[in-house]
Each structure stands twice: as C-alpha cells, then as structure tokens.
C-alpha cells in the first residue's frame, strides 16, 4: 500500500491489504464514455467499496496542469468489473480489486477515495513534465463550441498533459511529452469528442520597452455640432530596470490638466501600453511623467483625456528607439557524458549561454544554460534525437531581455505585414 496521510498532511499508520480495514482506494485511470459519462478505474488497497455509498475524494492537485486540489464527499455510482468490451456488475470491491466507478464528478487520475469519517490522501505519483508546446485552434465554428469541453475531458484523463490559456499571446496551448503524445491527444479529440483542431505556430510572450528617453504630445480636439472633445497632454518617457512595470508620475503645475482628468490620462497611457507601441506587444519597464497639458471648461472629458494619453505615448514611441524583449528560460539538461559536447554546441546554436556543468552520478552530466524561449519550442523532440533518447531537461522562466536587432526587425516586419 502506498504511504498515506490525512488531507492536512498528518502521518497515518501503514495500511494493510484488509477488506475490513479503513477504506483507501486510488483512481488509476479516468475515461469518458459517450453513453455513461465519466468512468473512473479504481484500485482498492484497503477496505471495501460498495455501490451508492458516499466516500471522501482527496486530490493533490496539479494546478500548473489544470487539475485543482480538492476535498469533497461524493456518492458512488454503479460498480463494475472491466472484461474486454463488457462491464460485469459488482456488488462490492474489496482490497486487491480493480473496479470501474461511474459518474464520479470531481475525481481525477491519482486521487484518493476514502471513508467520509476517516479521509486519507495517498502519496502522489511522480509524473514527467510535459515540455512540448502545441498551440491549437478550432477548425470551425462548430468545433469552437465543443472545444473547451473536449479539452477539459482530455486533460482529466491524462495527468501528464497540461492545458494553458495564454493571456498574452491569446493562444490555447497543449503541453505534451512528445510528438507521439501530441498525435494521440489530437486524434482522441477528433474521434472521441468530435472536435477538429488545427495546429498553429506557438508564440512566446514578447514585450516592448523604450531604449531611450523620449517626449510625446497627445492632442485630441474635435469640434462638431453639440458637445465637442478637447484634451491635450504632454508626457516624458524614460526606461526603467527590468521588472519595474509601468510607473506613472504627475508633475503638472498650475492646473494645466485639471485634477479629475489626471487619472484619465494614466488610464489611457496604460491601455495603450497594454496594446503595445511598435509591434503589438505589451510595453513594460518605463516611467511616464505627465508634465503639461490643456483643457476646456466645457468640452474636456474623461474619454477625451484617455484618448490624448494614448496618443501621447504613441507619439513618444515614434521618436524613441524601441527594444523588443524576449523571455529567457533557465534550462537544465541531464545527459550522458558522451553527448555533452553535442548538447552544448546545440544550445549555443540556439543563442543559449552555458552557465555551468556538473557531474550527476556515474557517466551523467548536468548542463545549465540560459536560452531564449523562442529557440526551444521543439527542444523536447530535438534533445531526444541528439542524445539517442537518453537525455532529459527541465525549463523555468528566468526573465525578459532585449532581442538581437536582426531578430527584432523580423518580428516587426511580420507585425507590419499582419503575419
């Protein structure tokens, strides 16, 4: 029996494989049946499982993979024993049995079923990290309506898969273990859930920032029949260190911009920064200082000063050197000594900087490097080829830093061409 604790983490005595002991069972597989709904394949380690009884469901949760931790009580549906394509009804499942449980709404693979009065939590499985990103989109409007439900079922069945809704790139990304895993997942979406998807190029979340100080003027003046619009503001923009975000400073004197409209200017500046000023990526790490402006006693408004603030930031960007920032990942590659040279050479070819190597057991070396994320989209596949299937790697976000001028220019050209 695996090690068990209470959901709060307190230790418990080791369980025996005893039908009369406390209930401890584990969900070892989750599947969806078009007629029955969700089916959980459960292995009973201790105690006895009976149909229609209420049990406690405890889950560790893998929040980064779309699985939340949970502690809930649920009533079991019918129990059955899988026998080929047939399901044989069971009156109970005792310690040592494997049974199918229908309609467990919240239970997912790896969760623990235990008695309501004595909740338990089994030791979590060690699962490999999915490191191959696959960006997908619905093939048609009909597929779009079914996509979210299909993906939720897919991820519930497979805890090695991670689903990401990237807010910055507005992409839906499935993180898989490799190409075969990806192909199986997409085929399952198509055949089992009737959802056709297209694979699209995976985007990384780029940023923009000012490389030089600059000043800009936003003028939003419109006179038409009735109420007009009048707002003028002048700003100065200066770059800040990485990770500073956006600072807004008010240095207006003499009431050139009335107090009630200064938050409007800030709102307009921040809205424009979120849209970007050069290639459509969010602007970060700048200080925007409002230094002057003009208002009209009748025609000035909140909306007019928001528009003027946005125009001022775009005007400042037109006169400045704008840097594109790309995310850089900390990459650790564990590989056999014979492939260390090839791995280091390959990382250098990806604009990576090797920051160190160390021995990790007999005949294995850990290579640490910093590599732009745009260069390692397919590294899960490429490393397998490079190391003849023996290499492993992990990655974590480190920071954003300026792209080389040639690469940044290509990105800008793509943005201008609408690619």
Protein backbone atom coordinates (compact mmCIF):
# COMPACT_ATOMS: atom_id res chain seq x y z
CA UNK A 1 0.00 0.00 0.00
CA UNK A 2 1.42 3.47 -0.85
CA UNK A 3 2.23 5.84 2.00
CA UNK A 4 -0.89 7.65 3.26
CA UNK A 5 -1.51 10.83 5.24
CA UNK A 6 -4.55 12.87 6.21
CA UNK A 7 -5.52 15.64 3.74
CA UNK A 8 -3.91 18.10 6.19
CA UNK A 9 -0.59 16.20 5.96
CA UNK A 10 -0.58 14.34 9.29
CA UNK A 11 1.05 10.90 9.17
CA UNK A 12 -1.05 7.72 9.39
CA UNK A 13 -0.10 4.16 10.32
CA UNK A 14 0.70 1.94 7.34
CA UNK A 15 -2.39 0.25 5.92
CA UNK A 16 -2.74 -3.47 5.33
CA UNK A 17 -4.49 -5.10 2.37
CA UNK A 18 -7.53 -5.93 4.53
CA UNK A 19 -11.18 -5.86 3.34
CA UNK A 20 -12.23 -4.93 6.89
CA UNK A 21 -9.69 -2.11 7.24
CA UNK A 22 -10.27 1.62 6.61
CA UNK A 23 -11.21 2.41 3.02
CA UNK A 24 -8.27 3.52 0.85
CA UNK A 25 -8.58 3.37 -2.94
CA UNK A 26 -6.88 5.22 -5.78
CA UNK A 27 -8.15 6.40 -9.16
CA UNK A 28 -5.62 4.92 -11.60
CA UNK A 29 -7.32 5.91 -14.86
CA UNK A 30 -10.10 8.24 -15.99
CA UNK A 31 -12.08 7.77 -19.19
CA UNK A 32 -15.21 9.20 -20.79
CA UNK A 33 -17.95 7.04 -22.24
CA UNK A 34 -20.38 8.70 -24.69
CA UNK A 35 -23.33 6.93 -23.00
CA UNK A 36 -22.31 6.62 -19.35
CA UNK A 37 -20.18 9.75 -18.95
CA UNK A 38 -17.02 9.81 -16.84
CA UNK A 39 -15.74 6.41 -15.70
CA UNK A 40 -13.03 6.08 -13.03
CA UNK A 41 -10.90 2.94 -12.86
CA UNK A 42 -10.20 2.45 -9.14
CA UNK A 43 -7.75 0.18 -7.34
CA UNK A 44 -8.77 -0.73 -3.78
CA UNK A 45 -5.80 -1.01 -1.40
CA UNK A 46 -7.70 -1.35 1.87
CA UNK A 47 -11.32 -1.71 2.97
CA UNK A 48 -14.38 -2.41 0.82
CA UNK A 49 -16.04 -0.23 -1.82
CA UNK A 50 -19.81 -0.54 -2.25
CA UNK A 51 -22.22 0.99 -4.80
CA UNK A 52 -24.24 4.03 -3.75
CA UNK A 53 -22.18 4.73 -0.63
CA UNK A 54 -20.73 8.21 -0.01
CA UNK A 55 -16.93 8.45 0.05
CA UNK A 56 -14.41 11.24 0.51
CA UNK A 57 -12.41 12.26 -2.61
CA UNK A 58 -9.00 13.83 -1.92
CA UNK A 59 -6.78 15.19 -4.71
CA UNK A 60 -3.25 16.59 -4.56
CA UNK A 61 -3.94 18.90 -7.45
CA UNK A 62 -1.59 19.81 -10.27
CA UNK A 63 -2.62 23.44 -10.67
CA UNK A 64 0.01 24.04 -13.37
CA UNK A 65 -1.61 21.27 -15.43
CA UNK A 66 -5.20 22.35 -14.91
CA UNK A 67 -6.02 19.99 -12.00
CA UNK A 68 -7.16 21.69 -8.83
CA UNK A 69 -6.66 20.20 -5.37
CA UNK A 70 -9.97 19.15 -3.83
CA UNK A 71 -11.52 17.58 -0.73
CA UNK A 72 -15.15 16.67 -1.34
CA UNK A 73 -17.69 14.00 -0.47
CA UNK A 74 -19.24 12.13 -3.39
CA UNK A 75 -21.75 9.36 -3.79
CA UNK A 76 -20.53 6.38 -5.79
CA UNK A 77 -22.45 5.15 -8.82
CA UNK A 78 -22.60 1.55 -10.00
CA UNK A 79 -19.52 -0.64 -9.64
CA UNK A 80 -18.43 -2.91 -12.46
CA UNK A 81 -15.51 -5.07 -13.48
CA UNK A 82 -13.96 -4.49 -16.92
CA UNK A 83 -13.92 -7.63 -19.03
CA UNK A 84 -12.93 -6.81 -22.61
CA UNK A 85 -15.69 -4.60 -24.01
CA UNK A 86 -18.15 -5.85 -21.40
CA UNK A 87 -18.79 -4.48 -17.91
CA UNK A 88 -19.78 -7.00 -15.24
CA UNK A 89 -21.78 -5.52 -12.37
CA UNK A 90 -20.21 -5.85 -8.90
CA UNK A 91 -21.93 -5.81 -5.52
CA UNK A 92 -18.66 -4.70 -3.88
CA UNK A 93 -14.92 -4.30 -4.50
CA UNK A 94 -12.59 -5.46 -1.72
CA UNK A 95 -8.91 -4.77 -1.04
CA UNK A 96 -6.89 -6.02 -4.01
CA UNK A 97 -9.70 -5.49 -6.57
CA UNK A 98 -9.80 -3.13 -9.53
CA UNK A 99 -13.24 -1.77 -10.37
CA UNK A 100 -14.91 0.82 -12.61
CA UNK A 101 -16.94 3.52 -10.86
CA UNK A 102 -19.42 5.57 -12.90
CA UNK A 103 -20.17 9.28 -12.55
CA UNK A 104 -17.56 10.38 -10.04
CA UNK A 105 -17.82 14.05 -11.00
CA UNK A 106 -14.69 15.50 -9.39
CA UNK A 107 -12.33 12.52 -9.06
CA UNK A 108 -9.34 12.55 -11.41
CA UNK A 109 -6.43 10.22 -12.04
CA UNK A 110 -4.24 9.98 -8.94
CA UNK A 111 -6.99 10.95 -6.47
CA UNK A 112 -7.75 9.01 -3.27
CA UNK A 113 -11.13 7.59 -2.24
CA UNK A 114 -11.57 7.03 1.50
CA UNK A 115 -14.24 6.88 4.20
CA UNK A 116 -16.20 10.03 4.96
CA UNK A 117 -15.32 9.87 8.63
CA UNK A 118 -11.65 9.00 8.04
CA UNK A 119 -10.34 10.93 4.98
CA UNK A 120 -6.96 9.83 3.62
CA UNK A 121 -4.55 11.04 0.96
CA UNK A 122 -2.16 8.71 -0.84
CA UNK A 123 1.35 9.64 -1.89
CA UNK A 124 1.25 11.45 -5.27
CA UNK A 125 2.57 9.89 -8.44
CA UNK A 126 5.82 11.14 -9.89
CA UNK A 127 4.93 12.29 -13.40
CA UNK A 128 7.17 13.61 -16.17
CA UNK A 129 6.82 17.27 -17.09
CA UNK A 130 5.19 17.95 -20.47
CA UNK A 131 7.71 20.13 -22.33
CA UNK A 132 6.49 20.20 -25.94
CA UNK A 133 4.06 23.11 -26.55
CA UNK A 134 1.34 22.56 -29.18
CA UNK A 135 -0.77 25.63 -29.98
CA UNK A 136 -4.21 24.74 -31.33
CA UNK A 137 -7.34 26.45 -32.57
CA UNK A 138 -10.77 25.17 -33.51
CA UNK A 139 -11.12 24.20 -37.17
CA UNK A 140 -14.62 25.67 -37.50
CA UNK A 141 -17.31 27.47 -35.50
CA UNK A 142 -18.97 24.15 -34.67
CA UNK A 143 -15.65 22.83 -33.30
CA UNK A 144 -15.17 26.02 -31.28
CA UNK A 145 -18.38 25.37 -29.36
CA UNK A 146 -17.19 21.88 -28.33
CA UNK A 147 -13.51 22.68 -27.82
CA UNK A 148 -13.46 23.70 -24.14
CA UNK A 149 -15.46 20.66 -23.00
CA UNK A 150 -13.34 18.31 -25.14
CA UNK A 151 -10.08 19.75 -23.77
CA UNK A 152 -11.35 19.53 -20.17
CA UNK A 153 -12.13 15.83 -20.63
CA UNK A 154 -8.80 15.22 -22.37
CA UNK A 155 -6.79 16.78 -19.53
CA UNK A 156 -8.88 14.99 -16.86
CA UNK A 157 -7.98 11.67 -18.48
CA UNK A 158 -4.27 12.42 -18.85
CA UNK A 159 -2.43 13.98 -15.88
CA UNK A 160 0.83 14.16 -17.88
CA UNK A 161 -0.74 16.78 -20.15
CA UNK A 162 -1.01 20.48 -19.31
CA UNK A 163 -3.56 22.89 -20.74
CA UNK A 164 -2.60 26.57 -20.94
CA UNK A 165 -4.75 29.53 -21.95
CA UNK A 166 -2.02 32.11 -22.55
CA UNK A 167 -3.42 35.58 -21.85
CA UNK A 168 -0.50 37.37 -23.51
CA UNK A 169 -0.46 35.51 -26.83
CA UNK A 170 -4.19 34.60 -26.71
CA UNK A 171 -3.37 31.01 -27.65
CA UNK A 172 -4.66 27.70 -26.36
CA UNK A 173 -1.59 25.52 -25.76
CA UNK A 174 -1.45 21.79 -25.00
CA UNK A 175 1.84 20.84 -23.35
CA UNK A 176 2.70 17.24 -24.31
CA UNK A 177 5.53 14.78 -23.62
CA UNK A 178 6.48 14.40 -27.28
CA UNK A 179 5.20 14.15 -30.83
CA UNK A 180 3.58 10.73 -30.35
CA UNK A 181 1.76 12.02 -27.25
CA UNK A 182 0.59 15.05 -29.26
CA UNK A 183 -0.70 12.93 -32.14
CA UNK A 184 -2.63 10.64 -29.76
CA UNK A 185 -4.20 13.62 -27.99
CA UNK A 186 -5.33 15.34 -31.21
CA UNK A 187 -6.68 12.05 -32.58
CA UNK A 188 -8.58 11.45 -29.36
CA UNK A 189 -10.08 14.95 -29.58
CA UNK A 190 -11.21 14.26 -33.14
CA UNK A 191 -12.50 10.69 -32.79
CA UNK A 192 -13.81 10.51 -29.22
CA UNK A 193 -15.05 14.07 -28.71
CA UNK A 194 -15.77 15.10 -32.30
CA UNK A 195 -13.56 18.21 -32.16
CA UNK A 196 -11.37 19.02 -35.17
CA UNK A 197 -8.48 21.36 -34.35
CA UNK A 198 -5.67 22.94 -36.36
CA UNK A 199 -2.10 23.14 -35.04
CA UNK A 200 -0.73 26.69 -35.37
CA UNK A 201 2.76 28.10 -34.69
CA UNK A 202 3.39 28.51 -30.96
CA UNK A 203 4.05 32.11 -29.91
CA UNK A 204 6.14 33.27 -26.97
CA UNK A 205 5.10 36.30 -24.91
CA UNK A 206 7.30 39.14 -26.15
CA UNK A 207 7.39 42.61 -24.57
CA UNK A 208 8.38 46.11 -25.69
CA UNK A 209 10.28 48.83 -23.84
CA UNK A 210 11.89 52.19 -24.54
CA UNK A 211 15.63 52.09 -25.19
CA UNK A 212 15.98 55.90 -24.88
CA UNK A 213 14.25 58.80 -23.18
CA UNK A 214 11.56 60.47 -25.23
CA UNK A 215 8.75 63.01 -25.09
CA UNK A 216 5.34 62.95 -26.71
CA UNK A 217 2.28 65.15 -27.17
CA UNK A 218 -1.27 63.90 -27.42
CA UNK A 219 -3.84 66.23 -28.95
CA UNK A 220 -7.47 65.13 -29.15
CA UNK A 221 -9.56 68.06 -30.31
CA UNK A 222 -12.82 67.58 -32.16
CA UNK A 223 -15.46 70.22 -32.70
CA UNK A 224 -18.78 69.11 -34.07
CA UNK A 225 -22.40 70.03 -33.60
CA UNK A 226 -23.18 70.00 -29.90
CA UNK A 227 -20.67 68.75 -27.35
CA UNK A 228 -17.06 68.67 -28.61
CA UNK A 229 -13.97 66.90 -27.30
CA UNK A 230 -10.88 68.72 -26.09
CA UNK A 231 -7.79 67.28 -24.39
CA UNK A 232 -4.10 67.97 -24.80
CA UNK A 233 -1.35 66.39 -22.71
CA UNK A 234 2.44 66.29 -22.85
CA UNK A 235 4.46 63.42 -21.38
CA UNK A 236 8.05 62.34 -20.92
CA UNK A 237 9.01 58.64 -21.04
CA UNK A 238 12.20 57.09 -19.67
CA UNK A 239 13.31 53.43 -19.47
CA UNK A 240 13.45 51.63 -16.13
CA UNK A 241 15.29 48.44 -15.00
CA UNK A 242 13.76 45.08 -15.92
CA UNK A 243 10.79 44.03 -13.81
CA UNK A 244 9.75 47.59 -12.89
CA UNK A 245 6.47 47.54 -14.80
CA UNK A 246 4.94 50.89 -15.67
CA UNK A 247 5.21 53.93 -13.38
CA UNK A 248 3.01 56.99 -13.89
CA UNK A 249 4.13 60.28 -12.35
CA UNK A 250 2.14 63.53 -12.22
CA UNK A 251 4.27 66.70 -12.45
CA UNK A 252 1.64 69.06 -13.80
CA UNK A 253 1.79 72.55 -12.25
CA UNK A 254 -0.72 75.35 -12.25
CA UNK A 255 -3.72 73.14 -13.02
CA UNK A 256 -2.89 72.83 -16.73
CA UNK A 257 -4.62 69.45 -16.57
CA UNK A 258 -7.46 69.53 -14.02
CA UNK A 259 -7.07 67.12 -11.09
CA UNK A 260 -10.08 64.99 -12.06
CA UNK A 261 -8.58 64.22 -15.52
CA UNK A 262 -5.10 63.10 -14.43
CA UNK A 263 -6.33 59.52 -13.68
CA UNK A 264 -7.91 59.59 -17.17
CA UNK A 265 -4.53 60.31 -18.76
CA UNK A 266 -2.97 57.45 -16.76
CA UNK A 267 -5.76 55.10 -17.81
CA UNK A 268 -5.22 55.99 -21.49
CA UNK A 269 -1.45 55.54 -21.18
CA UNK A 270 -1.79 52.14 -19.52
CA UNK A 271 -4.39 50.97 -22.06
CA UNK A 272 -2.07 51.92 -24.93
CA UNK A 273 0.90 50.27 -23.16
CA UNK A 274 -1.08 47.01 -22.93
CA UNK A 275 -1.65 47.15 -26.72
CA UNK A 276 1.99 47.98 -27.49
CA UNK A 277 3.58 50.84 -29.42
CA UNK A 278 5.75 49.15 -32.07
CA UNK A 279 4.89 45.51 -32.87
CA UNK A 280 1.73 44.98 -30.82
CA UNK A 281 3.34 43.53 -27.67
CA UNK A 282 2.77 44.93 -24.13
CA UNK A 283 5.01 47.82 -23.11
CA UNK A 284 6.89 47.38 -19.80
CA UNK A 285 9.60 48.92 -17.64
CA UNK A 286 9.05 52.62 -18.33
CA UNK A 287 8.26 55.73 -16.28
CA UNK A 288 5.69 58.02 -17.87
CA UNK A 289 5.64 61.55 -16.48
CA UNK A 290 2.77 63.92 -17.25
CA UNK A 291 4.35 67.40 -17.46
CA UNK A 292 1.79 69.67 -19.12
CA UNK A 293 -1.49 69.87 -20.96
CA UNK A 294 -4.57 71.92 -21.75
CA UNK A 295 -8.23 71.52 -21.00
CA UNK A 296 -11.51 73.18 -21.99
CA UNK A 297 -14.10 74.18 -19.43
CA UNK A 298 -16.93 72.57 -21.43
CA UNK A 299 -15.52 70.11 -23.98
CA UNK A 300 -12.92 68.26 -21.85
CA UNK A 301 -13.96 64.85 -20.56
CA UNK A 302 -12.65 61.61 -19.11
CA UNK A 303 -12.80 59.88 -22.52
CA UNK A 304 -11.03 62.78 -24.28
CA UNK A 305 -8.09 62.70 -21.86
CA UNK A 306 -7.85 58.89 -22.10
CA UNK A 307 -7.52 59.24 -25.87
CA UNK A 308 -4.97 62.07 -25.51
CA UNK A 309 -2.87 59.97 -23.10
CA UNK A 310 -2.78 57.07 -25.57
CA UNK A 311 -1.87 59.41 -28.45
CA UNK A 312 0.93 60.98 -26.38
CA UNK A 313 2.50 57.58 -25.67
CA UNK A 314 2.38 56.63 -29.36
CA UNK A 315 3.93 59.99 -30.27
CA UNK A 316 6.77 59.43 -27.78
CA UNK A 317 7.37 55.93 -29.18
CA UNK A 318 7.67 57.31 -32.72
CA UNK A 319 10.67 59.40 -31.62
CA UNK A 320 12.37 56.72 -29.49
CA UNK A 321 14.32 53.52 -30.02
CA UNK A 322 12.00 50.67 -29.01
CA UNK A 323 13.51 47.38 -27.84
CA UNK A 324 11.71 44.05 -28.17
CA UNK A 325 12.16 41.86 -25.08
CA UNK A 326 12.02 38.07 -25.30
CA UNK A 327 11.56 35.57 -22.44
CA UNK A 328 14.68 33.66 -21.45
CA UNK A 329 14.46 30.25 -19.77
CA UNK A 330 16.75 28.56 -17.28
CA UNK A 331 17.37 25.17 -18.91
CA UNK A 332 18.91 22.16 -17.16
CA UNK A 333 19.87 19.23 -19.38
CA UNK A 334 20.81 15.86 -17.87
CA UNK A 335 22.68 13.80 -20.45
CA UNK A 336 25.25 11.03 -20.82
CA UNK A 337 28.86 12.26 -20.82
CA UNK A 338 29.34 11.19 -24.44
CA UNK A 339 26.68 13.67 -25.62
CA UNK A 340 27.73 16.69 -23.54
CA UNK A 341 29.72 18.30 -26.37
CA UNK A 342 26.88 17.91 -28.86
CA UNK A 343 24.34 19.31 -26.38
CA UNK A 344 26.46 22.35 -25.52
CA UNK A 345 27.11 23.05 -29.20
CA UNK A 346 23.40 22.76 -29.96
CA UNK A 347 22.48 25.14 -27.11
CA UNK A 348 24.99 27.70 -28.39
CA UNK A 349 23.39 27.45 -31.82
CA UNK A 350 20.09 28.39 -30.16
CA UNK A 351 21.60 31.64 -28.82
CA UNK A 352 21.98 29.93 -25.45
CA UNK A 353 24.61 30.75 -22.81
CA UNK A 354 26.00 27.74 -20.96
CA UNK A 355 26.46 28.84 -17.34
CA UNK A 356 27.94 25.64 -15.93
CA UNK A 357 28.19 21.87 -15.90
CA UNK A 358 28.39 19.38 -13.05
CA UNK A 359 28.64 15.62 -12.66
CA UNK A 360 25.39 13.93 -11.73
CA UNK A 361 26.09 10.33 -10.89
CA UNK A 362 28.15 7.85 -12.86
CA UNK A 363 28.56 8.85 -16.51
CA UNK A 364 25.94 11.64 -16.42
CA UNK A 365 26.41 15.41 -16.63
CA UNK A 366 24.01 18.24 -15.81
CA UNK A 367 24.36 21.17 -18.20
CA UNK A 368 22.90 24.51 -17.05
CA UNK A 369 22.14 27.17 -19.64
CA UNK A 370 20.06 30.27 -20.32
CA UNK A 371 18.25 30.02 -23.64
CA UNK A 372 15.64 32.28 -25.34
CA UNK A 373 12.26 30.52 -25.18
CA UNK A 374 11.65 31.23 -28.86
CA UNK A 375 14.56 28.85 -29.64
CA UNK A 376 13.44 25.84 -27.55
CA UNK A 377 9.87 25.25 -28.69
CA UNK A 378 10.78 21.80 -30.08
CA UNK A 379 13.66 21.05 -27.73
CA UNK A 380 11.81 18.07 -26.22
CA UNK A 381 11.95 16.41 -29.65
CA UNK A 382 15.40 17.67 -30.67
CA UNK A 383 17.11 16.58 -27.44
CA UNK A 384 15.67 13.09 -27.79
CA UNK A 385 17.22 12.87 -31.26
CA UNK A 386 20.51 14.44 -30.18
CA UNK A 387 21.00 12.13 -27.17
CA UNK A 388 19.52 8.95 -28.74
CA UNK A 389 16.61 9.10 -26.28
CA UNK A 390 18.76 9.26 -23.13
CA UNK A 391 18.64 13.00 -22.34
CA UNK A 392 16.17 14.82 -20.08
CA UNK A 393 15.70 18.51 -19.46
CA UNK A 394 13.70 20.97 -17.39
CA UNK A 395 12.95 24.61 -18.03
CA UNK A 396 11.74 27.58 -15.98
CA UNK A 397 11.18 31.24 -16.79
CA UNK A 398 14.13 33.45 -15.85
CA UNK A 399 13.45 36.95 -17.21
CA UNK A 400 12.83 39.04 -20.32
CA UNK A 401 15.81 40.59 -22.08
CA UNK A 402 16.37 42.51 -25.37
CA UNK A 403 16.29 40.54 -28.61
CA UNK A 404 19.17 40.87 -31.09
CA UNK A 405 18.43 43.68 -33.60
CA UNK A 406 18.10 41.34 -36.62
CA UNK A 407 15.60 39.05 -34.87
CA UNK A 408 13.63 42.03 -33.54
CA UNK A 409 13.45 43.54 -37.03
CA UNK A 410 11.98 40.31 -38.42
CA UNK A 411 9.29 40.36 -35.71
CA UNK A 412 8.44 43.99 -36.52
CA UNK A 413 8.18 43.24 -40.23
CA UNK A 414 5.83 40.33 -39.51
CA UNK A 415 3.68 42.62 -37.33
CA UNK A 416 3.53 45.29 -40.05
CA UNK A 417 2.58 42.69 -42.68
CA UNK A 418 -0.11 41.28 -40.40
CA UNK A 419 1.59 37.88 -40.21
